[in-house]
Protein backbone atom coordinates (compact mmCIF):
# COMPACT_ATOMS: atom_id res chain seq x y z
CA MET A 1 54.12 -34.85 -15.64
CA GLU A 2 51.14 -37.04 -16.58
CA ASN A 3 50.78 -38.14 -12.94
CA LYS A 4 50.93 -34.54 -11.73
CA THR A 5 48.39 -33.44 -14.33
CA GLY A 6 46.03 -36.27 -13.38
CA LYS A 7 46.29 -35.44 -9.71
CA TYR A 8 45.69 -31.77 -10.47
CA LEU A 9 42.61 -32.56 -12.53
CA LYS A 10 41.23 -34.81 -9.81
CA TYR A 11 41.87 -32.11 -7.24
CA ALA A 12 40.21 -29.45 -9.43
CA ILE A 13 37.21 -31.67 -10.12
CA GLY A 14 36.91 -32.41 -6.39
CA GLU A 15 37.02 -28.70 -5.62
CA ILE A 16 34.33 -28.00 -8.22
CA ILE A 17 32.12 -30.75 -6.81
CA LEU A 18 32.55 -29.39 -3.30
CA VAL A 19 31.68 -25.88 -4.50
CA VAL A 20 28.59 -27.18 -6.33
CA ILE A 21 27.50 -29.17 -3.29
CA GLY A 22 28.03 -26.09 -1.12
CA ILE A 23 25.93 -23.97 -3.48
CA LEU A 24 23.16 -26.58 -3.55
CA ILE A 25 23.16 -26.80 0.24
CA ALA A 26 23.06 -23.00 0.51
CA LEU A 27 20.18 -22.83 -1.97
CA SER A 28 18.35 -25.57 -0.12
CA ILE A 29 18.79 -23.77 3.20
CA ASN A 30 17.69 -20.49 1.61
CA ASN A 31 14.60 -22.12 0.07
CA TRP A 32 13.75 -23.80 3.37
CA ASN A 33 14.15 -20.49 5.19
CA ASN A 34 11.97 -18.68 2.64
CA GLN A 35 9.31 -21.37 2.92
CA ARG A 36 9.44 -21.14 6.71
CA ILE A 37 8.97 -17.35 6.52
CA GLU A 38 6.09 -17.73 4.05
CA ARG A 39 4.41 -20.36 6.22
CA LYS A 40 4.78 -18.12 9.26
CA LEU A 41 3.29 -15.19 7.35
CA GLU A 42 0.48 -17.40 6.05
CA SER A 43 -0.36 -18.60 9.56
CA SER A 44 -0.31 -15.04 10.85
CA ILE A 45 -2.69 -13.90 8.09
CA LEU A 46 -5.05 -16.83 8.74
CA GLN A 47 -5.13 -16.03 12.45
CA GLU A 48 -5.88 -12.39 11.68
CA ILE A 49 -8.69 -13.43 9.32
CA ILE A 50 -10.19 -15.46 12.17
CA SER A 51 -10.02 -12.36 14.36
CA ASN A 52 -11.84 -10.34 11.67
CA LEU A 53 -14.44 -13.08 11.26
CA ASP A 54 -15.06 -13.10 15.02
CA PHE A 55 -15.69 -9.35 14.82
CA ASP A 56 -18.12 -9.88 11.94
CA LEU A 57 -19.92 -12.65 13.83
CA GLU A 58 -20.35 -10.40 16.85
CA HIS A 59 -21.70 -7.63 14.62
CA ILE A 60 -24.12 -10.02 12.90
CA GLU A 61 -25.39 -11.35 16.23
CA GLU A 62 -26.11 -7.77 17.30
CA GLN A 63 -27.95 -7.11 14.04
CA ILE A 64 -30.03 -10.29 14.39
CA ARG A 65 -31.08 -9.23 17.90
CA TRP A 66 -31.78 -5.73 16.58
CA ASP A 67 -33.98 -7.13 13.80
CA GLU A 68 -35.85 -9.38 16.22
CA ARG A 69 -36.49 -6.51 18.62
CA HIS A 70 -37.66 -3.95 16.06
CA GLY A 71 -39.66 -6.49 14.07
CA LYS A 72 -41.44 -7.57 17.26
CA HIS A 73 -42.32 -4.01 18.27
CA ASN A 74 -43.65 -3.19 14.81
CA GLN A 75 -45.87 -6.26 14.96
CA ILE A 76 -47.10 -5.32 18.45
CA ILE A 77 -48.08 -1.80 17.36
CA TYR A 78 -49.71 -3.09 14.19
CA GLU A 79 -51.95 -5.41 16.23
CA HIS A 80 -52.62 -2.63 18.75
CA LEU A 81 -53.83 -0.27 16.02
CA ARG A 82 -55.72 -2.98 14.20
CA ASP A 83 -57.56 -4.03 17.38
CA LYS A 84 -57.97 -0.42 18.55
CA THR A 85 -56.66 -1.09 22.07
CA PRO A 86 -55.84 1.79 24.46
CA ILE A 87 -52.33 3.20 24.95
CA THR A 88 -50.25 1.73 27.81
CA ASP A 89 -46.71 2.35 29.03
CA SER A 90 -45.71 -0.95 27.45
CA LEU A 91 -47.09 0.20 24.10
CA LYS A 92 -45.32 3.54 24.43
CA TYR A 93 -42.09 1.56 24.76
CA SER A 94 -42.95 -0.36 21.59
CA TYR A 95 -43.79 2.87 19.77
CA ALA A 96 -40.31 4.13 20.68
CA TYR A 97 -38.76 1.05 19.04
CA LEU A 98 -40.62 1.19 15.76
CA TYR A 99 -37.68 2.64 13.90
CA GLY A 100 -33.97 2.07 13.91
CA TYR A 101 -31.24 1.75 11.31
CA GLY A 102 -29.31 -1.49 10.89
CA ASN A 103 -26.70 -2.54 8.35
CA PHE A 104 -23.76 -4.88 7.79
CA LEU A 105 -20.26 -3.43 7.56
CA PRO A 106 -17.84 -6.36 7.44
CA MET A 107 -14.25 -6.07 8.60
CA THR A 108 -12.18 -6.59 5.44
CA VAL A 109 -8.82 -5.05 6.38
CA VAL A 110 -6.92 -8.34 6.58
CA PHE A 111 -8.42 -9.67 3.34
CA GLU A 112 -7.37 -6.49 1.55
CA ASN A 113 -3.86 -6.94 2.96
CA LEU A 114 -3.93 -10.55 1.79
CA LYS A 115 -4.78 -9.43 -1.74
CA SER A 116 -1.86 -7.00 -1.71
CA GLU A 117 0.47 -9.78 -0.53
CA GLY A 118 -1.01 -12.20 -3.07
CA VAL A 119 -3.74 -14.70 -2.19
CA ASN A 120 -1.49 -17.52 -3.38
CA ILE A 121 0.39 -17.19 -0.11
CA ILE A 122 -2.40 -19.47 1.20
CA LYS A 123 -1.19 -22.82 -0.13
CA ASN A 124 -4.37 -24.80 0.51
CA GLU A 125 -6.31 -24.19 -2.72
CA ASP A 126 -9.70 -25.16 -1.28
CA LEU A 127 -9.22 -22.87 1.71
CA ARG A 128 -8.01 -20.03 -0.49
CA ARG A 129 -11.07 -20.42 -2.68
CA GLU A 130 -13.46 -20.46 0.30
CA ILE A 131 -11.94 -17.33 1.85
CA SER A 132 -12.10 -15.43 -1.45
CA LYS A 133 -15.67 -16.58 -2.03
CA LEU A 134 -16.74 -15.39 1.42
CA TYR A 135 -15.34 -11.88 0.96
CA ASN A 136 -15.90 -11.39 -2.77
CA TYR A 137 -19.28 -13.10 -3.12
CA TYR A 138 -21.17 -13.76 0.10
CA TYR A 139 -20.28 -10.47 1.80
CA SER A 140 -20.94 -8.52 -1.38
CA LYS A 141 -24.27 -10.28 -1.89
CA ALA A 142 -25.39 -9.64 1.70
CA THR A 143 -24.53 -5.92 1.69
CA THR A 144 -26.17 -5.44 -1.73
CA GLN A 145 -29.38 -7.19 -0.69
CA LEU A 146 -29.58 -5.16 2.50
CA LYS A 147 -29.05 -1.87 0.69
CA GLU A 148 -31.52 -2.62 -2.09
CA THR A 149 -34.32 -3.88 0.15
CA ILE A 150 -33.85 -2.64 3.69
CA VAL A 151 -32.73 0.94 3.06
CA TYR A 152 -35.86 1.67 1.00
CA ALA A 153 -38.08 0.24 3.75
CA GLN A 154 -36.25 2.21 6.43
CA GLU A 155 -36.63 5.52 4.59
CA ARG A 156 -40.32 4.91 3.96
CA HIS A 157 -40.92 3.85 7.55
CA TYR A 158 -38.96 6.77 9.01
CA ASN A 159 -41.10 9.25 7.08
CA GLU A 160 -44.27 7.61 8.38
CA ILE A 161 -43.08 7.69 11.99
CA SER A 162 -41.82 11.28 11.82
CA GLU A 163 -45.20 12.39 10.54
CA HIS A 164 -47.40 10.55 13.05
CA LEU A 165 -45.49 10.06 16.33
CA ILE A 166 -44.24 12.16 19.22
CA ILE A 167 -40.92 10.84 20.59
CA GLU A 168 -41.03 11.56 24.31
CA LYS A 169 -37.70 9.84 24.97
CA PRO A 170 -35.66 8.00 22.31
CA TYR A 171 -35.88 4.19 22.63
CA THR A 172 -37.92 4.62 25.82
CA SER A 173 -41.26 6.28 25.15
CA ALA A 174 -43.26 7.52 22.18
CA LYS A 175 -46.94 7.91 21.30
CA PRO A 176 -49.17 8.81 18.35
CA ILE A 177 -49.98 12.43 17.68
CA ASP A 178 -53.54 11.28 16.98
CA LEU A 179 -54.29 7.70 18.06
CA ILE A 180 -57.73 7.55 16.45
CA ALA A 181 -56.31 8.78 13.14
CA LEU A 182 -53.62 6.06 13.24
CA GLN A 183 -56.20 3.40 14.07
CA ASN A 184 -57.86 4.28 10.78
CA ASP A 185 -54.69 4.92 8.79
CA ILE A 186 -54.30 1.83 6.62
CA GLN A 187 -51.13 3.17 4.98
CA PHE A 188 -49.38 3.54 8.33
CA GLN A 189 -50.44 0.06 9.41
CA GLU A 190 -49.25 -1.42 6.11
CA SER A 191 -45.93 0.34 6.68
CA LEU A 192 -45.64 -1.42 10.05
CA LYS A 193 -46.35 -4.80 8.44
CA PHE A 194 -43.88 -4.16 5.63
CA TYR A 195 -41.15 -3.06 8.02
CA ALA A 196 -41.69 -6.15 10.21
CA PHE A 197 -41.37 -8.27 7.07
CA THR A 198 -38.11 -6.57 6.02
CA ARG A 199 -36.67 -7.22 9.47
CA ARG A 200 -37.42 -10.95 9.07
CA TYR A 201 -35.90 -10.82 5.59
CA SER A 202 -32.82 -9.10 7.02
CA GLN A 203 -32.51 -11.81 9.68
CA GLY A 204 -32.47 -14.42 6.92
CA ILE A 205 -29.61 -12.63 5.17
CA PHE A 206 -27.65 -12.33 8.41
CA ASN A 207 -28.19 -15.97 9.35
CA LYS A 208 -26.99 -17.17 5.93
CA THR A 209 -23.94 -14.93 6.19
CA LYS A 210 -23.30 -16.16 9.72
CA ASN A 211 -23.34 -19.78 8.56
CA ASN A 212 -20.91 -19.00 5.73
CA ILE A 213 -18.57 -17.26 8.18
CA LEU A 214 -18.68 -20.18 10.62
CA ARG A 215 -17.90 -22.64 7.82
CA VAL A 216 -14.87 -20.67 6.60
CA LYS A 217 -13.67 -20.03 10.15
CA LYS A 218 -13.73 -23.75 10.91
CA ALA A 219 -11.81 -24.51 7.69
CA ILE A 220 -9.12 -22.02 8.72
CA GLU A 221 -8.93 -23.44 12.25
CA ASP A 222 -8.61 -26.98 10.85
CA GLU A 223 -5.75 -25.83 8.61
CA LEU A 224 -3.93 -24.20 11.52
CA ASN A 225 -4.47 -27.25 13.74
CA VAL A 226 -2.89 -29.52 11.13
CA ARG A 227 0.29 -27.42 11.28
CA THR A 228 0.62 -27.67 15.03
CA LYS A 229 0.55 -31.48 15.02
């Protein structure tokens, strides 16, 4: 009886150990599978963020060109009025480009989705911090600065142009209602100078934002490259 009992206990203990080992293996496989799914989701989100950043970069490049163009034409017309030179077709083209509205509307869809999933899904703490800083600080700062400074200048400038110019063809040809009056209108000329300045200021904001985007994009690409090795 003692021998049978001992054998039974050994058998039972062996069965328990096998069950425990099986459970541990199953848990390990389940954890590995969950981690694999999370890593795949993380990589997918990072790739989508890169796609959004590329869109923002393209938009910023367009805005920088826009600022350069409009700032240049405002400066040209300012010098033309200051020096009291005659109207030419080239100047009519510049008159047509005195005003235009520009702004920065970043693509934030993926970042909003990331927040709903939980930003901790990005395991690299430094990268997670840089992405959050870009969207929550740098983007917010850029859009706020543009609204506070540029929108005021645009409204003021638009009123001046509407009052003093005839638009013969949008973005092609325009001319003063009274050229001599504009040549002696200091307020209008100061408006041209101020608007040219705001366009340079806007370019500075866009260039800083562009550099921040490029830095974060490279950090994301480096993280994804590490995983493929």
